[in-house]
Amino acid sequence: MDILNFRSGTVTQPTDRMREATASAVVGGDPTVNELDESSVRRAVEIMGEILESCEVGNR
């Protein structure tokens, strides 16, 4: 029985097909991913605003 090794790239090596896929990937080209990123940042800013506001009020 073979032992599978799922450690990081320091142990495993990508195949030529994997290298080609990485090299041809479009960065920032997916509108759905971009929209998710933007909405996540907006929500994080809202949450941080609520936390900071409550801390500020609590420290008075």
N, C-alpha and C. Protein backbone atom coordinates (compact mmCIF):
# COMPACT_ATOMS: atom_id res chain seq x y z
N MET A 1 0.85 -1.18 0.00
CA MET A 1 0.00 0.00 0.00
C MET A 1 0.89 1.24 0.00
N ASP A 2 0.62 2.16 -0.92
CA ASP A 2 1.39 3.40 -1.01
C ASP A 2 0.93 4.38 0.06
N ILE A 3 1.86 5.12 0.62
CA ILE A 3 1.54 6.16 1.58
C ILE A 3 1.41 7.48 0.83
N LEU A 4 0.29 8.15 1.00
CA LEU A 4 0.08 9.43 0.34
C LEU A 4 0.65 10.55 1.20
N ASN A 5 1.34 11.47 0.55
CA ASN A 5 1.98 12.57 1.26
C ASN A 5 1.30 13.86 0.81
N PHE A 6 0.54 14.51 1.69
CA PHE A 6 -0.21 15.70 1.34
C PHE A 6 0.45 16.98 1.86
N ARG A 7 1.73 16.92 2.17
CA ARG A 7 2.41 18.13 2.63
C ARG A 7 2.56 19.13 1.50
N SER A 8 3.06 20.30 1.82
CA SER A 8 3.11 21.41 0.87
C SER A 8 4.08 21.16 -0.29
N GLY A 9 4.24 22.20 -1.10
CA GLY A 9 5.09 22.14 -2.27
C GLY A 9 6.55 21.90 -1.97
N THR A 10 6.93 21.92 -0.72
CA THR A 10 8.32 21.63 -0.39
C THR A 10 8.62 20.15 -0.56
N VAL A 11 7.57 19.34 -0.58
CA VAL A 11 7.74 17.90 -0.74
C VAL A 11 7.25 17.45 -2.11
N THR A 12 6.07 17.91 -2.50
CA THR A 12 5.49 17.50 -3.78
C THR A 12 5.95 18.43 -4.89
N GLN A 13 5.95 17.93 -6.09
CA GLN A 13 6.37 18.72 -7.25
C GLN A 13 5.22 18.79 -8.25
N PRO A 14 4.94 19.99 -8.82
CA PRO A 14 3.87 20.11 -9.80
C PRO A 14 4.23 19.43 -11.11
N THR A 15 3.21 18.94 -11.78
CA THR A 15 3.42 18.34 -13.09
C THR A 15 3.51 19.45 -14.13
N ASP A 16 3.95 19.11 -15.33
CA ASP A 16 4.03 20.10 -16.40
C ASP A 16 2.65 20.70 -16.69
N ARG A 17 1.62 19.86 -16.64
CA ARG A 17 0.26 20.34 -16.89
C ARG A 17 -0.17 21.36 -15.82
N MET A 18 0.21 21.12 -14.57
CA MET A 18 -0.09 22.05 -13.49
C MET A 18 0.64 23.38 -13.71
N ARG A 19 1.89 23.31 -14.12
CA ARG A 19 2.67 24.53 -14.39
C ARG A 19 2.05 25.34 -15.53
N GLU A 20 1.60 24.66 -16.57
CA GLU A 20 0.96 25.35 -17.70
C GLU A 20 -0.33 26.03 -17.26
N ALA A 21 -1.12 25.36 -16.44
CA ALA A 21 -2.38 25.93 -15.97
C ALA A 21 -2.12 27.17 -15.12
N THR A 22 -1.11 27.11 -14.28
CA THR A 22 -0.76 28.26 -13.44
C THR A 22 -0.27 29.43 -14.29
N ALA A 23 0.56 29.13 -15.27
CA ALA A 23 1.12 30.18 -16.12
C ALA A 23 0.05 30.85 -16.97
N SER A 24 -0.98 30.13 -17.36
CA SER A 24 -2.00 30.70 -18.24
C SER A 24 -3.22 31.25 -17.48
N ALA A 25 -3.19 31.18 -16.17
CA ALA A 25 -4.32 31.65 -15.37
C ALA A 25 -4.47 33.17 -15.48
N VAL A 26 -5.71 33.62 -15.52
CA VAL A 26 -6.01 35.05 -15.58
C VAL A 26 -6.23 35.53 -14.16
N VAL A 27 -5.44 36.49 -13.73
CA VAL A 27 -5.54 37.01 -12.38
C VAL A 27 -6.51 38.19 -12.37
N GLY A 28 -7.50 38.14 -11.48
CA GLY A 28 -8.46 39.23 -11.36
C GLY A 28 -9.46 39.28 -12.50
N GLY A 29 -9.59 38.20 -13.23
CA GLY A 29 -10.46 38.21 -14.39
C GLY A 29 -11.87 37.68 -14.16
N ASP A 30 -12.15 37.20 -12.97
CA ASP A 30 -13.46 36.63 -12.69
C ASP A 30 -14.32 37.65 -11.95
N PRO A 31 -15.34 38.20 -12.62
CA PRO A 31 -16.18 39.22 -11.99
C PRO A 31 -16.87 38.73 -10.72
N THR A 32 -17.23 37.47 -10.66
CA THR A 32 -17.89 36.93 -9.48
C THR A 32 -16.95 36.96 -8.28
N VAL A 33 -15.71 36.56 -8.49
CA VAL A 33 -14.71 36.57 -7.42
C VAL A 33 -14.42 38.00 -6.99
N ASN A 34 -14.30 38.90 -7.96
CA ASN A 34 -14.05 40.31 -7.64
C ASN A 34 -15.19 40.89 -6.80
N GLU A 35 -16.42 40.57 -7.16
CA GLU A 35 -17.58 41.06 -6.41
C GLU A 35 -17.60 40.50 -4.99
N LEU A 36 -17.27 39.21 -4.85
CA LEU A 36 -17.20 38.59 -3.53
C LEU A 36 -16.12 39.27 -2.68
N ASP A 37 -14.96 39.53 -3.27
CA ASP A 37 -13.88 40.22 -2.55
C ASP A 37 -14.35 41.59 -2.05
N GLU A 38 -14.97 42.35 -2.94
CA GLU A 38 -15.42 43.70 -2.59
C GLU A 38 -16.49 43.67 -1.49
N SER A 39 -17.43 42.75 -1.61
CA SER A 39 -18.49 42.69 -0.59
C SER A 39 -17.94 42.21 0.75
N SER A 40 -16.95 41.33 0.71
CA SER A 40 -16.33 40.87 1.96
C SER A 40 -15.60 42.00 2.65
N VAL A 41 -14.90 42.82 1.88
CA VAL A 41 -14.18 43.95 2.46
C VAL A 41 -15.18 44.95 3.05
N ARG A 42 -16.25 45.24 2.32
CA ARG A 42 -17.25 46.19 2.83
C ARG A 42 -17.84 45.70 4.15
N ARG A 43 -18.15 44.42 4.22
CA ARG A 43 -18.73 43.86 5.45
C ARG A 43 -17.72 43.89 6.60
N ALA A 44 -16.47 43.58 6.31
CA ALA A 44 -15.43 43.61 7.34
C ALA A 44 -15.27 45.02 7.89
N VAL A 45 -15.32 46.02 7.01
CA VAL A 45 -15.22 47.41 7.46
C VAL A 45 -16.41 47.78 8.34
N GLU A 46 -17.60 47.34 7.97
CA GLU A 46 -18.79 47.60 8.79
C GLU A 46 -18.64 46.98 10.18
N ILE A 47 -18.20 45.74 10.22
CA ILE A 47 -18.04 45.04 11.50
C ILE A 47 -16.99 45.75 12.35
N MET A 48 -15.87 46.11 11.75
CA MET A 48 -14.82 46.78 12.52
C MET A 48 -15.31 48.13 13.03
N GLY A 49 -16.13 48.82 12.24
CA GLY A 49 -16.69 50.08 12.69
C GLY A 49 -17.57 49.90 13.91
N GLU A 50 -18.36 48.82 13.91
CA GLU A 50 -19.22 48.54 15.06
C GLU A 50 -18.40 48.18 16.29
N ILE A 51 -17.37 47.39 16.11
CA ILE A 51 -16.52 46.99 17.23
C ILE A 51 -15.80 48.20 17.81
N LEU A 52 -15.20 49.00 16.94
CA LEU A 52 -14.46 50.16 17.42
C LEU A 52 -15.38 51.16 18.11
N GLU A 53 -16.58 51.34 17.55
CA GLU A 53 -17.54 52.26 18.16
C GLU A 53 -17.93 51.77 19.54
N SER A 54 -18.21 50.48 19.67
CA SER A 54 -18.62 49.96 20.97
C SER A 54 -17.47 50.03 21.98
N CYS A 55 -16.25 49.83 21.54
CA CYS A 55 -15.09 49.95 22.45
C CYS A 55 -14.92 51.39 22.90
N GLU A 56 -15.09 52.29 21.95
CA GLU A 56 -14.93 53.71 22.27
C GLU A 56 -15.98 54.15 23.29
N VAL A 57 -17.22 53.73 23.11
CA VAL A 57 -18.29 54.07 24.04
C VAL A 57 -18.04 53.41 25.38
N GLY A 58 -17.56 52.18 25.37
CA GLY A 58 -17.31 51.46 26.61
C GLY A 58 -16.14 52.05 27.42
N ASN A 59 -15.22 52.71 26.73
CA ASN A 59 -14.06 53.28 27.41
C ASN A 59 -14.33 54.67 27.99
N ARG A 60 -15.50 55.20 27.77
CA ARG A 60 -15.79 56.54 28.27
C ARG A 60 -16.18 56.53 29.72
